C-alpha atoms as a PDB file:
ATOM      1  CA  MET A   1      93.977-213.783  -1.365  1.00  0.00           C
ATOM      2  CA  THR A   2      95.680-215.262  -4.423  1.00  0.00           C
ATOM      3  CA  MET A   3      93.323-217.299  -6.597  1.00  0.00           C
ATOM      4  CA  HIS A   4      94.066-220.958  -7.283  1.00  0.00           C
ATOM      5  CA  TYR A   5      93.776-221.305 -11.060  1.00  0.00           C
ATOM      6  CA  LYS A   6      92.239-224.378 -12.594  1.00  0.00           C
ATOM      7  CA  VAL A   7      93.376-223.429 -16.109  1.00  0.00           C
ATOM      8  CA  SER A   8      96.169-221.311 -17.574  1.00  0.00           C
ATOM      9  CA  VAL A   9      95.706-220.174 -21.171  1.00  0.00           C
ATOM     10  CA  ILE A  10      98.756-218.950 -23.095  1.00  0.00           C
ATOM     11  CA  VAL A  11      98.137-216.518 -25.971  1.00  0.00           C
ATOM     12  CA  PRO A  12     101.066-215.400 -28.165  1.00  0.00           C
ATOM     13  CA  ILE A  13     100.388-212.118 -29.971  1.00  0.00           C
ATOM     14  CA  TYR A  14     102.038-210.883 -33.142  1.00  0.00           C
ATOM     15  CA  ASN A  15     100.442-208.638 -35.792  1.00  0.00           C
ATOM     16  CA  VAL A  16      96.835-209.753 -35.270  1.00  0.00           C
ATOM     17  CA  ARG A  17      95.097-206.425 -34.656  1.00  0.00           C
ATOM     18  CA  ASP A  18      92.183-207.305 -36.975  1.00  0.00           C
ATOM     19  CA  TYR A  19      91.352-210.495 -35.080  1.00  0.00           C
ATOM     20  CA  LEU A  20      92.426-209.796 -31.527  1.00  0.00           C
ATOM     21  CA  VAL A  21      89.272-208.177 -30.131  1.00  0.00           C
ATOM     22  CA  ARG A  22      87.115-211.235 -30.789  1.00  0.00           C
ATOM     23  CA  CYS A  23      89.779-213.548 -29.373  1.00  0.00           C
ATOM     24  CA  VAL A  24      90.186-211.535 -26.153  1.00  0.00           C
ATOM     25  CA  GLU A  25      86.463-210.924 -25.654  1.00  0.00           C
ATOM     26  CA  ASN A  26      85.695-214.635 -25.818  1.00  0.00           C
ATOM     27  CA  LEU A  27      88.498-215.395 -23.395  1.00  0.00           C
ATOM     28  CA  MET A  28      87.369-212.778 -20.907  1.00  0.00           C
ATOM     29  CA  ASN A  29      83.799-214.090 -21.107  1.00  0.00           C
ATOM     30  CA  GLN A  30      84.709-217.686 -20.262  1.00  0.00           C
ATOM     31  CA  THR A  31      82.208-219.267 -17.895  1.00  0.00           C
ATOM     32  CA  LEU A  32      84.983-220.851 -15.817  1.00  0.00           C
ATOM     33  CA  ARG A  33      86.056-218.270 -13.253  1.00  0.00           C
ATOM     34  CA  GLU A  34      89.408-219.724 -12.173  1.00  0.00           C
ATOM     35  CA  VAL A  35      91.304-219.068 -15.400  1.00  0.00           C
ATOM     36  CA  GLU A  36      94.680-217.386 -15.709  1.00  0.00           C
ATOM     37  CA  TYR A  37      95.326-215.506 -18.958  1.00  0.00           C
ATOM     38  CA  ILE A  38      98.927-215.108 -20.123  1.00  0.00           C
ATOM     39  CA  PHE A  39      99.337-212.856 -23.159  1.00  0.00           C
ATOM     40  CA  VAL A  40     102.805-212.842 -24.729  1.00  0.00           C
ATOM     41  CA  GLU A  41     103.256-209.810 -26.983  1.00  0.00           C
ATOM     42  CA  ASP A  42     106.060-210.733 -29.380  1.00  0.00           C
ATOM     43  CA  CYS A  43     107.233-207.293 -30.501  1.00  0.00           C
ATOM     44  CA  ALA A  44     104.391-206.754 -32.971  1.00  0.00           C
ATOM     45  CA  THR A  45     104.881-204.171 -35.713  1.00  0.00           C
ATOM     46  CA  ASP A  46     101.204-203.187 -35.746  1.00  0.00           C
ATOM     47  CA  ASP A  47      99.115-201.843 -32.857  1.00  0.00           C
ATOM     48  CA  SER A  48      98.197-205.279 -31.487  1.00  0.00           C
ATOM     49  CA  TYR A  49      99.389-204.322 -28.004  1.00  0.00           C
ATOM     50  CA  GLN A  50      97.154-201.255 -27.891  1.00  0.00           C
ATOM     51  CA  VAL A  51      94.195-203.288 -29.118  1.00  0.00           C
ATOM     52  CA  LEU A  52      94.922-205.849 -26.413  1.00  0.00           C
ATOM     53  CA  THR A  53      95.074-203.342 -23.563  1.00  0.00           C
ATOM     54  CA  ASP A  54      92.019-201.427 -24.799  1.00  0.00           C
ATOM     55  CA  THR A  55      89.996-204.644 -24.953  1.00  0.00           C
ATOM     56  CA  LEU A  56      91.178-205.882 -21.555  1.00  0.00           C
ATOM     57  CA  ALA A  57      90.190-202.536 -20.006  1.00  0.00           C
ATOM     58  CA  ARG A  58      86.553-203.422 -20.665  1.00  0.00           C
ATOM     59  CA  PHE A  59      86.819-206.431 -18.336  1.00  0.00           C
ATOM     60  CA  PRO A  60      87.968-205.020 -14.984  1.00  0.00           C
ATOM     61  CA  HIS A  61      86.695-208.108 -13.126  1.00  0.00           C
ATOM     62  CA  ARG A  62      89.383-210.140 -14.927  1.00  0.00           C
ATOM     63  CA  ARG A  63      92.219-207.693 -14.248  1.00  0.00           C
ATOM     64  CA  GLU A  64      93.843-209.799 -11.524  1.00  0.00           C
ATOM     65  CA  ASP A  65      93.724-212.890 -13.751  1.00  0.00           C
ATOM     66  CA  VAL A  66      95.681-211.341 -16.629  1.00  0.00           C
ATOM     67  CA  ARG A  67      99.418-211.362 -17.088  1.00  0.00           C
ATOM     68  CA  ILE A  68     101.135-209.662 -20.041  1.00  0.00           C
ATOM     69  CA  ILE A  69     104.673-210.516 -21.115  1.00  0.00           C
ATOM     70  CA  ARG A  70     106.260-208.150 -23.646  1.00  0.00           C
ATOM     71  CA  HIS A  71     109.292-209.154 -25.679  1.00  0.00           C
ATOM     72  CA  GLU A  72     111.904-206.538 -26.519  1.00  0.00           C
ATOM     73  CA  VAL A  73     112.736-208.409 -29.741  1.00  0.00           C
ATOM     74  CA  ASN A  74     110.669-210.790 -31.815  1.00  0.00           C
ATOM     75  CA  LYS A  75     111.265-214.353 -30.597  1.00  0.00           C
ATOM     76  CA  GLY A  76     108.682-216.305 -32.577  1.00  0.00           C
ATOM     77  CA  LEU A  77     105.803-218.555 -31.611  1.00  0.00           C
ATOM     78  CA  ALA A  78     107.809-221.274 -29.862  1.00  0.00           C
ATOM     79  CA  MET A  79     109.604-218.923 -27.468  1.00  0.00           C
ATOM     80  CA  SER A  80     106.399-216.982 -26.840  1.00  0.00           C
ATOM     81  CA  ARG A  81     104.629-220.173 -25.792  1.00  0.00           C
ATOM     82  CA  ALA A  82     107.656-221.256 -23.752  1.00  0.00           C
ATOM     83  CA  ASP A  83     107.760-217.939 -21.884  1.00  0.00           C
ATOM     84  CA  GLY A  84     104.086-218.378 -21.085  1.00  0.00           C
ATOM     85  CA  LEU A  85     104.689-221.904 -19.810  1.00  0.00           C
ATOM     86  CA  ASP A  86     107.428-220.632 -17.498  1.00  0.00           C
ATOM     87  CA  VAL A  87     104.937-218.567 -15.499  1.00  0.00           C
ATOM     88  CA  ALA A  88     101.728-220.607 -15.884  1.00  0.00           C
ATOM     89  CA  ALA A  89     100.230-221.510 -12.494  1.00  0.00           C
ATOM     90  CA  GLY A  90      97.084-223.438 -13.457  1.00  0.00           C
ATOM     91  CA  ASP A  91      96.375-227.102 -12.775  1.00  0.00           C
ATOM     92  CA  PHE A  92      95.807-227.492 -16.519  1.00  0.00           C
ATOM     93  CA  ILE A  93      97.377-225.598 -19.432  1.00  0.00           C
ATOM     94  CA  ILE A  94      96.075-224.787 -22.893  1.00  0.00           C
ATOM     95  CA  HIS A  95      97.277-222.636 -25.795  1.00  0.00           C
ATOM     96  CA  THR A  96      95.189-220.275 -27.901  1.00  0.00           C
ATOM     97  CA  ASP A  97      96.233-218.540 -31.124  1.00  0.00           C
ATOM     98  CA  SER A  98      95.350-214.861 -31.110  1.00  0.00           C
ATOM     99  CA  ASP A  99      93.704-214.830 -34.551  1.00  0.00           C
ATOM    100  CA  ASP A 100      91.350-217.665 -33.509  1.00  0.00           C
ATOM    101  CA  TRP A 101      88.598-217.647 -30.916  1.00  0.00           C
ATOM    102  CA  THR A 102      87.024-219.932 -28.321  1.00  0.00           C
ATOM    103  CA  ASP A 103      83.510-220.843 -27.296  1.00  0.00           C
ATOM    104  CA  VAL A 104      82.896-219.099 -23.973  1.00  0.00           C
ATOM    105  CA  THR A 105      82.151-222.456 -22.297  1.00  0.00           C
ATOM    106  CA  MET A 106      85.287-224.148 -23.622  1.00  0.00           C
ATOM    107  CA  PHE A 107      87.521-224.149 -20.555  1.00  0.00           C
ATOM    108  CA  GLU A 108      84.756-225.013 -18.130  1.00  0.00           C
ATOM    109  CA  LYS A 109      83.546-227.982 -20.176  1.00  0.00           C
ATOM    110  CA  MET A 110      87.028-229.326 -20.824  1.00  0.00           C
ATOM    111  CA  TYR A 111      88.207-228.863 -17.238  1.00  0.00           C
ATOM    112  CA  ARG A 112      85.115-230.525 -15.771  1.00  0.00           C
ATOM    113  CA  GLN A 113      85.417-233.450 -18.200  1.00  0.00           C
ATOM    114  CA  ALA A 114      89.107-233.954 -17.391  1.00  0.00           C
ATOM    115  CA  VAL A 115      88.464-233.901 -13.637  1.00  0.00           C
ATOM    116  CA  ALA A 116      85.394-236.149 -13.846  1.00  0.00           C
ATOM    117  CA  ASP A 117      87.333-238.777 -15.804  1.00  0.00           C
ATOM    118  CA  GLY A 118      90.623-238.371 -13.927  1.00  0.00           C
ATOM    119  CA  ALA A 119      92.311-237.621 -17.241  1.00  0.00           C
ATOM    120  CA  ASP A 120      95.626-235.897 -17.932  1.00  0.00           C
ATOM    121  CA  ILE A 121      94.485-234.645 -21.329  1.00  0.00           C
ATOM    122  CA  CYS A 122      91.091-233.549 -22.645  1.00  0.00           C
ATOM    123  CA  ILE A 123      90.515-233.032 -26.374  1.00  0.00           C
ATOM    124  CA  CYS A 124      87.594-231.190 -27.966  1.00  0.00           C
ATOM    125  CA  ASP A 125      86.214-230.885 -31.482  1.00  0.00           C
ATOM    126  CA  PHE A 126      86.808-227.654 -33.387  1.00  0.00           C
ATOM    127  CA  TYR A 127      85.641-225.645 -36.363  1.00  0.00           C
ATOM    128  CA  PHE A 128      87.501-224.508 -39.424  1.00  0.00           C
ATOM    129  CA  ALA A 129      86.241-220.930 -39.764  1.00  0.00           C
ATOM    130  CA  ARG A 130      86.228-220.199 -43.496  1.00  0.00           C
ATOM    131  CA  LYS A 131      84.755-217.500 -45.680  1.00  0.00           C
ATOM    132  CA  ASP A 132      82.048-219.908 -46.812  1.00  0.00           C
ATOM    133  CA  GLY A 133      81.130-220.966 -43.274  1.00  0.00           C
ATOM    134  CA  LEU A 134      82.122-223.365 -40.505  1.00  0.00           C
ATOM    135  CA  VAL A 135      83.392-226.902 -41.005  1.00  0.00           C
ATOM    136  CA  ARG A 136      83.363-229.156 -37.949  1.00  0.00           C
ATOM    137  CA  MET A 137      86.398-231.338 -37.284  1.00  0.00           C
ATOM    138  CA  HIS A 138      86.036-234.353 -35.014  1.00  0.00           C
ATOM    139  CA  PRO A 139      89.209-236.125 -33.853  1.00  0.00           C
ATOM    140  CA  THR A 140      88.356-239.816 -34.279  1.00  0.00           C
ATOM    141  CA  LEU A 141      90.204-241.003 -31.184  1.00  0.00           C
ATOM    142  CA  ASP A 142      89.040-243.802 -28.895  1.00  0.00           C
ATOM    143  CA  CYS A 143      90.197-242.894 -25.389  1.00  0.00           C
ATOM    144  CA  SER A 144      89.368-246.386 -24.096  1.00  0.00           C
ATOM    145  CA  LYS A 145      92.165-247.965 -26.136  1.00  0.00           C
ATOM    146  CA  PRO A 146      95.479-248.948 -24.526  1.00  0.00           C
ATOM    147  CA  HIS A 147      98.000-246.112 -24.618  1.00  0.00           C
ATOM    148  CA  LYS A 148     100.126-247.537 -27.432  1.00  0.00           C
ATOM    149  CA  GLU A 149      97.124-248.058 -29.719  1.00  0.00           C
ATOM    150  CA  PHE A 150      95.774-244.626 -28.875  1.00  0.00           C
ATOM    151  CA  MET A 151      99.128-243.063 -29.797  1.00  0.00           C
ATOM    152  CA  ARG A 152      99.185-244.888 -33.126  1.00  0.00           C
ATOM    153  CA  ASP A 153      95.756-243.473 -33.920  1.00  0.00           C
ATOM    154  CA  TYR A 154      96.881-240.001 -32.868  1.00  0.00           C
ATOM    155  CA  LEU A 155      99.966-240.158 -35.084  1.00  0.00           C
ATOM    156  CA  LYS A 156      97.818-240.767 -38.159  1.00  0.00           C
ATOM    157  CA  TRP A 157      95.385-237.952 -37.298  1.00  0.00           C
ATOM    158  CA  ARG A 158      96.233-235.002 -39.538  1.00  0.00           C
ATOM    159  CA  TRP A 159      95.297-232.094 -37.273  1.00  0.00           C
ATOM    160  CA  ASN A 160      97.615-232.512 -34.288  1.00  0.00           C
ATOM    161  CA  THR A 161      97.091-229.178 -32.575  1.00  0.00           C
ATOM    162  CA  VAL A 162      97.592-227.832 -29.058  1.00  0.00           C
ATOM    163  CA  TRP A 163      94.764-225.291 -28.980  1.00  0.00           C
ATOM    164  CA  ASN A 164      92.012-227.897 -28.583  1.00  0.00           C
ATOM    165  CA  VAL A 165      93.977-229.911 -26.007  1.00  0.00           C
ATOM    166  CA  LEU A 166      93.798-229.233 -22.262  1.00  0.00           C
ATOM    167  CA  VAL A 167      96.871-230.724 -20.559  1.00  0.00           C
ATOM    168  CA  ALA A 168      97.549-231.325 -16.862  1.00  0.00           C
ATOM    169  CA  ARG A 169     100.594-229.489 -15.537  1.00  0.00           C
ATOM    170  CA  GLY A 170     102.053-232.825 -14.413  1.00  0.00           C
ATOM    171  CA  VAL A 171     102.328-234.004 -18.018  1.00  0.00           C
ATOM    172  CA  TYR A 172     104.555-231.045 -18.850  1.00  0.00           C
ATOM    173  CA  GLU A 173     106.651-231.805 -15.771  1.00  0.00           C
ATOM    174  CA  ARG A 174     107.006-235.546 -16.513  1.00  0.00           C
ATOM    175  CA  SER A 175     107.743-235.110 -20.208  1.00  0.00           C
ATOM    176  CA  GLY A 176     109.885-231.991 -20.101  1.00  0.00           C
ATOM    177  CA  ALA A 177     108.124-231.111 -23.367  1.00  0.00           C
ATOM    178  CA  ARG A 178     108.690-227.612 -24.688  1.00  0.00           C
ATOM    179  CA  PRO A 179     107.663-225.809 -27.884  1.00  0.00           C
ATOM    180  CA  PRO A 180     110.288-226.465 -30.584  1.00  0.00           C
ATOM    181  CA  VAL A 181     112.682-223.688 -31.558  1.00  0.00           C
ATOM    182  CA  GLY A 182     113.503-223.469 -35.258  1.00  0.00           C
ATOM    183  CA  ILE A 183     110.300-225.073 -36.543  1.00  0.00           C
ATOM    184  CA  SER A 184     107.533-222.815 -37.839  1.00  0.00           C
ATOM    185  CA  PHE A 185     105.232-225.479 -39.306  1.00  0.00           C
ATOM    186  CA  THR A 186     103.848-228.594 -37.514  1.00  0.00           C
ATOM    187  CA  GLU A 187     105.302-227.201 -34.296  1.00  0.00           C
ATOM    188  CA  ASP A 188     102.021-228.188 -32.621  1.00  0.00           C
ATOM    189  CA  PHE A 189     102.642-231.818 -33.598  1.00  0.00           C
ATOM    190  CA  HIS A 190     106.143-231.652 -32.103  1.00  0.00           C
ATOM    191  CA  LEU A 191     104.816-230.507 -28.731  1.00  0.00           C
ATOM    192  CA  ALA A 192     101.579-232.507 -28.652  1.00  0.00           C
ATOM    193  CA  VAL A 193     103.173-235.885 -29.410  1.00  0.00           C
ATOM    194  CA  ARG A 194     105.575-235.507 -26.491  1.00  0.00           C
ATOM    195  CA  LEU A 195     102.757-234.566 -24.150  1.00  0.00           C
ATOM    196  CA  PHE A 196     100.536-237.398 -25.349  1.00  0.00           C
ATOM    197  CA  GLN A 197     103.313-239.950 -24.911  1.00  0.00           C
ATOM    198  CA  TYR A 198     103.594-239.053 -21.217  1.00  0.00           C
ATOM    199  CA  ALA A 199      99.871-238.748 -20.476  1.00  0.00           C
ATOM    200  CA  ARG A 200      98.279-241.586 -18.522  1.00  0.00           C
ATOM    201  CA  LYS A 201      94.631-241.090 -19.435  1.00  0.00           C
ATOM    202  CA  PHE A 202      92.711-239.208 -22.131  1.00  0.00           C
ATOM    203  CA  THR A 203      89.154-237.962 -22.460  1.00  0.00           C
ATOM    204  CA  THR A 204      87.155-235.893 -24.917  1.00  0.00           C
ATOM    205  CA  VAL A 205      84.402-233.319 -25.119  1.00  0.00           C
ATOM    206  CA  ASP A 206      82.534-234.155 -28.301  1.00  0.00           C
ATOM    207  CA  GLU A 207      81.577-230.567 -29.020  1.00  0.00           C
ATOM    208  CA  PRO A 208      83.273-228.016 -31.308  1.00  0.00           C
ATOM    209  CA  LEU A 209      84.579-225.452 -28.816  1.00  0.00           C
ATOM    210  CA  TYR A 210      87.427-223.821 -30.755  1.00  0.00           C
ATOM    211  CA  TYR A 211      87.275-221.767 -33.963  1.00  0.00           C
ATOM    212  CA  TYR A 212      90.374-222.117 -36.124  1.00  0.00           C
ATOM    213  CA  ASN A 213      90.478-218.991 -38.275  1.00  0.00           C
ATOM    214  CA  GLN A 214      91.387-219.780 -41.889  1.00  0.00           C
ATOM    215  CA  MET A 215      90.561-216.262 -43.101  1.00  0.00           C
ATOM    216  CA  ASN A 216      93.765-214.632 -41.836  1.00  0.00           C
ATOM    217  CA  SER A 217      95.832-213.976 -44.968  1.00  0.00           C
ATOM    218  CA  GLY A 218      98.887-213.361 -42.780  1.00  0.00           C
ATOM    219  CA  SER A 219      98.729-216.842 -41.263  1.00  0.00           C
ATOM    220  CA  ILE A 220     101.504-219.284 -42.081  1.00  0.00           C
ATOM    221  CA  MET A 221      98.867-221.583 -43.594  1.00  0.00           C
ATOM    222  CA  HIS A 222      98.499-219.029 -46.398  1.00  0.00           C
ATOM    223  CA  THR A 223     102.234-218.756 -47.099  1.00  0.00           C
ATOM    224  CA  LEU A 224     103.254-222.385 -47.594  1.00  0.00           C
ATOM    225  CA  ASP A 225     106.470-222.931 -49.559  1.00  0.00           C
ATOM    226  CA  THR A 226     109.346-225.391 -49.805  1.00  0.00           C
ATOM    227  CA  LYS A 227     111.007-224.007 -46.684  1.00  0.00           C
ATOM    228  CA  ILE A 228     107.855-224.583 -44.663  1.00  0.00           C
ATOM    229  CA  PHE A 229     107.564-228.197 -45.752  1.00  0.00           C
ATOM    230  CA  LEU A 230     111.215-228.752 -44.856  1.00  0.00           C
ATOM    231  CA  HIS A 231     110.297-227.569 -41.364  1.00  0.00           C
ATOM    232  CA  GLU A 232     107.654-230.288 -41.294  1.00  0.00           C
ATOM    233  CA  LEU A 233     110.249-232.875 -42.305  1.00  0.00           C
ATOM    234  CA  ASP A 234     112.597-231.595 -39.594  1.00  0.00           C
ATOM    235  CA  CYS A 235     109.802-231.946 -37.037  1.00  0.00           C
ATOM    236  CA  TYR A 236     109.227-235.600 -37.925  1.00  0.00           C
ATOM    237  CA  GLU A 237     112.937-236.398 -37.971  1.00  0.00           C
ATOM    238  CA  ARG A 238     113.337-234.859 -34.516  1.00  0.00           C
ATOM    239  CA  THR A 239     110.348-236.819 -33.245  1.00  0.00           C
ATOM    240  CA  ILE A 240     111.730-240.101 -34.568  1.00  0.00           C
ATOM    241  CA  GLU A 241     114.994-239.452 -32.724  1.00  0.00           C
ATOM    242  CA  TRP A 242     113.026-238.574 -29.591  1.00  0.00           C
ATOM    243  CA  PHE A 243     111.136-241.880 -29.793  1.00  0.00           C
ATOM    244  CA  LYS A 244     114.405-243.765 -30.332  1.00  0.00           C
ATOM    245  CA  GLU A 245     116.002-242.142 -27.286  1.00  0.00           C
ATOM    246  CA  ARG A 246     113.111-243.462 -25.188  1.00  0.00           C
ATOM    247  CA  GLY A 247     113.202-246.926 -26.710  1.00  0.00           C
ATOM    248  CA  VAL A 248     109.692-246.776 -28.177  1.00  0.00           C
ATOM    249  CA  TYR A 249     110.331-246.032 -31.852  1.00  0.00           C
ATOM    250  CA  GLU A 250     109.475-249.569 -32.993  1.00  0.00           C
ATOM    251  CA  ASP A 251     106.010-249.067 -31.516  1.00  0.00           C
ATOM    252  CA  TYR A 252     105.413-246.175 -33.927  1.00  0.00           C
ATOM    253  CA  ARG A 253     107.745-246.869 -36.853  1.00  0.00           C
ATOM    254  CA  LYS A 254     105.006-247.272 -39.473  1.00  0.00           C
ATOM    255  CA  GLN A 255     103.114-244.164 -38.381  1.00  0.00           C
ATOM    256  CA  MET A 256     106.261-242.035 -38.419  1.00  0.00           C
ATOM    257  CA  GLN A 257     107.259-243.368 -41.835  1.00  0.00           C
ATOM    258  CA  TRP A 258     103.836-242.246 -43.059  1.00  0.00           C
ATOM    259  CA  ARG A 259     104.599-238.827 -41.630  1.00  0.00           C
ATOM    260  CA  LEU A 260     107.908-238.692 -43.490  1.00  0.00           C
ATOM    261  CA  LEU A 261     106.080-239.482 -46.723  1.00  0.00           C
ATOM    262  CA  LYS A 262     103.525-236.764 -45.997  1.00  0.00           C
ATOM    263  CA  SER A 263     106.257-234.153 -45.656  1.00  0.00           C
ATOM    264  CA  SER A 264     108.460-235.328 -48.532  1.00  0.00           C
ATOM    265  CA  CYS A 265     105.742-235.836 -51.177  1.00  0.00           C
ATOM    266  CA  PHE A 266     105.989-232.133 -52.068  1.00  0.00           C
ATOM    267  CA  LEU A 267     109.293-232.968 -53.798  1.00  0.00           C
ATOM    268  CA  VAL A 268     107.442-235.132 -56.333  1.00  0.00           C
ATOM    269  CA  PHE A 269     105.005-232.328 -57.056  1.00  0.00           C
ATOM    270  CA  GLN A 270     107.968-229.984 -57.596  1.00  0.00           C
ATOM    271  CA  ASN A 271     109.615-232.399 -60.101  1.00  0.00           C
ATOM    272  CA  GLN A 272     112.433-233.124 -57.644  1.00  0.00           C
ATOM    273  CA  PHE A 273     112.322-236.866 -58.133  1.00  0.00           C
ATOM    274  CA  ASP A 274     115.939-237.734 -57.364  1.00  0.00           C
ATOM    275  CA  GLU A 275     115.711-235.778 -54.136  1.00  0.00           C
ATOM    276  CA  PHE A 276     112.576-237.680 -53.172  1.00  0.00           C
ATOM    277  CA  ARG A 277     114.147-241.059 -53.877  1.00  0.00           C
ATOM    278  CA  LYS A 278     117.214-240.224 -51.772  1.00  0.00           C
ATOM    279  CA  LEU A 279     115.194-238.875 -48.843  1.00  0.00           C
ATOM    280  CA  HIS A 280     114.283-241.600 -46.326  1.00  0.00           C
ATOM    281  CA  PRO A 281     114.032-244.470 -48.846  1.00  0.00           C
ATOM    282  CA  GLU A 282     112.782-246.787 -46.077  1.00  0.00           C
ATOM    283  CA  SER A 283     109.521-244.864 -46.100  1.00  0.00           C
ATOM    284  CA  HIS A 284     108.794-245.898 -49.690  1.00  0.00           C
ATOM    285  CA  ARG A 285     107.685-249.384 -48.659  1.00  0.00           C
ATOM    286  CA  TYR A 286     104.918-247.813 -46.584  1.00  0.00           C
ATOM    287  CA  ILE A 287     103.329-245.821 -49.420  1.00  0.00           C
ATOM    288  CA  LEU A 288     100.377-248.125 -50.051  1.00  0.00           C
ATOM    289  CA  SER A 289      99.470-248.323 -46.360  1.00  0.00           C
ATOM    290  CA  VAL A 290      99.293-244.557 -45.739  1.00  0.00           C
ATOM    291  CA  PRO A 291      95.800-243.751 -44.396  1.00  0.00           C
ATOM    292  CA  SER A 292      93.582-241.329 -46.280  1.00  0.00           C
ATOM    293  CA  SER A 293      93.690-239.027 -43.259  1.00  0.00           C
ATOM    294  CA  LEU A 294      97.245-238.080 -44.301  1.00  0.00           C
ATOM    295  CA  PHE A 295      96.973-238.081 -48.097  1.00  0.00           C
ATOM    296  CA  ASN A 296      94.791-239.507 -50.836  1.00  0.00           C
ATOM    297  CA  PHE A 297      95.136-242.255 -53.441  1.00  0.00           C
ATOM    298  CA  LYS A 298      96.308-239.837 -56.143  1.00  0.00           C
ATOM    299  CA  VAL A 299      99.321-238.882 -54.036  1.00  0.00           C
ATOM    300  CA  LYS A 300     100.110-242.558 -53.472  1.00  0.00           C
ATOM    301  CA  VAL A 301     100.108-243.156 -57.222  1.00  0.00           C
ATOM    302  CA  MET A 302     102.462-240.228 -57.838  1.00  0.00           C
ATOM    303  CA  LEU A 303     104.871-241.445 -55.163  1.00  0.00           C
ATOM    304  CA  ILE A 304     104.890-244.986 -56.538  1.00  0.00           C
ATOM    305  CA  LEU A 305     105.562-243.670 -60.041  1.00  0.00           C
ATOM    306  CA  ALA A 306     108.484-241.658 -58.671  1.00  0.00           C
ATOM    307  CA  VAL A 307     109.909-244.679 -56.842  1.00  0.00           C
ATOM    308  CA  LEU A 308     109.619-246.698 -60.099  1.00  0.00           C
ATOM    309  CA  ARG A 309     111.441-243.857 -61.902  1.00  0.00           C
ATOM    310  CA  LEU A 310     108.492-243.182 -64.184  1.00  0.00           C
ATOM    311  CA  ASP A 311     109.244-239.498 -63.830  1.00  0.00           C
ATOM    312  CA  PHE A 312     107.871-238.564 -67.249  1.00  0.00           C
ATOM    313  CA  ILE A 313     104.340-239.449 -66.133  1.00  0.00           C
ATOM    314  CA  CYS A 314     104.726-237.345 -62.988  1.00  0.00           C
ATOM    315  CA  ARG A 315     106.104-234.424 -64.995  1.00  0.00           C
ATOM    316  CA  TRP A 316     103.163-234.663 -67.395  1.00  0.00           C
ATOM    317  CA  ASP A 317     100.651-234.645 -64.545  1.00  0.00           C
ATOM    318  CA  ASN A 318     102.435-231.789 -62.757  1.00  0.00           C
ATOM    319  CA  ARG A 319     102.462-229.741 -65.938  1.00  0.00           C
ATOM    320  CA  ARG A 320      98.787-230.520 -66.572  1.00  0.00           C
ATOM    321  CA  HIS A 321      97.897-229.148 -63.125  1.00  0.00           C
ATOM    322  CA  GLY A 322     100.291-226.199 -63.169  1.00  0.00           C
ATOM    323  CA  ARG A 323     102.705-227.664 -60.621  1.00  0.00           C
ATOM    324  CA  GLY A 324     106.477-227.951 -60.549  1.00  0.00           C
END
């Protein structure tokens, strides 16, 4: 008899052999029984696939719950997640990065909370896993607020991720949301915002159930450069157009202008002041209102100086701190 899955978890895999065992072990040991595991092996150049199969072999009771998709060519994170979504059969869907790991009670607690509250989306706290220890992150979101106010709060929350968000299948179907092709930074924001916009009710589990690994030197978070930040800008520009197409952009104009500032401020710290002034000048009138969750007062001062064409002060400060 085919099992009815309460949760589908999608796990893209690419060159993570040093972290994969812990990730897979914690998934296989989840306390919720009705979980479907979809591993998408994206043509890794290390022995990640062998590590995956060796680890899975130690959990024969989960064999029927595991599906492995292997790409013949590397397609990237977005297509790996999309391929997983195409076959996911669970009532709820969640993504996990293969260099991170989950608390073994994560899916059970989030699923039960979502069902108990009749929610489309359940969000949990998470840890930054660093060399010097764990740092708990708590999304400060009030699920009792009207949808529009909740979305405004979500848009100014810095860590818009999909791996601590359990989403009902119906939200994917209503929104048509898919992982973005061509964006390799803030791609979680791109997907999550579209899902959140179409969700009817939210709930939370106020426990840290996911461990976001910041010790992987191969992670994109350790290789940030100008190209990556341009991907972030592209993500926000696409999202603004998406809001406009649905006639709701005015509801979120200020929050999205803050996002544009967040992505374009790197130009000021690279002494590219003319480029900053030409890029989305409308956003400049929102500098003083940007919340500290997106960037601090020092960044605001630098942006204002750039808008006022006091570039020499910015250059001096960049030089003093080894930037630019």
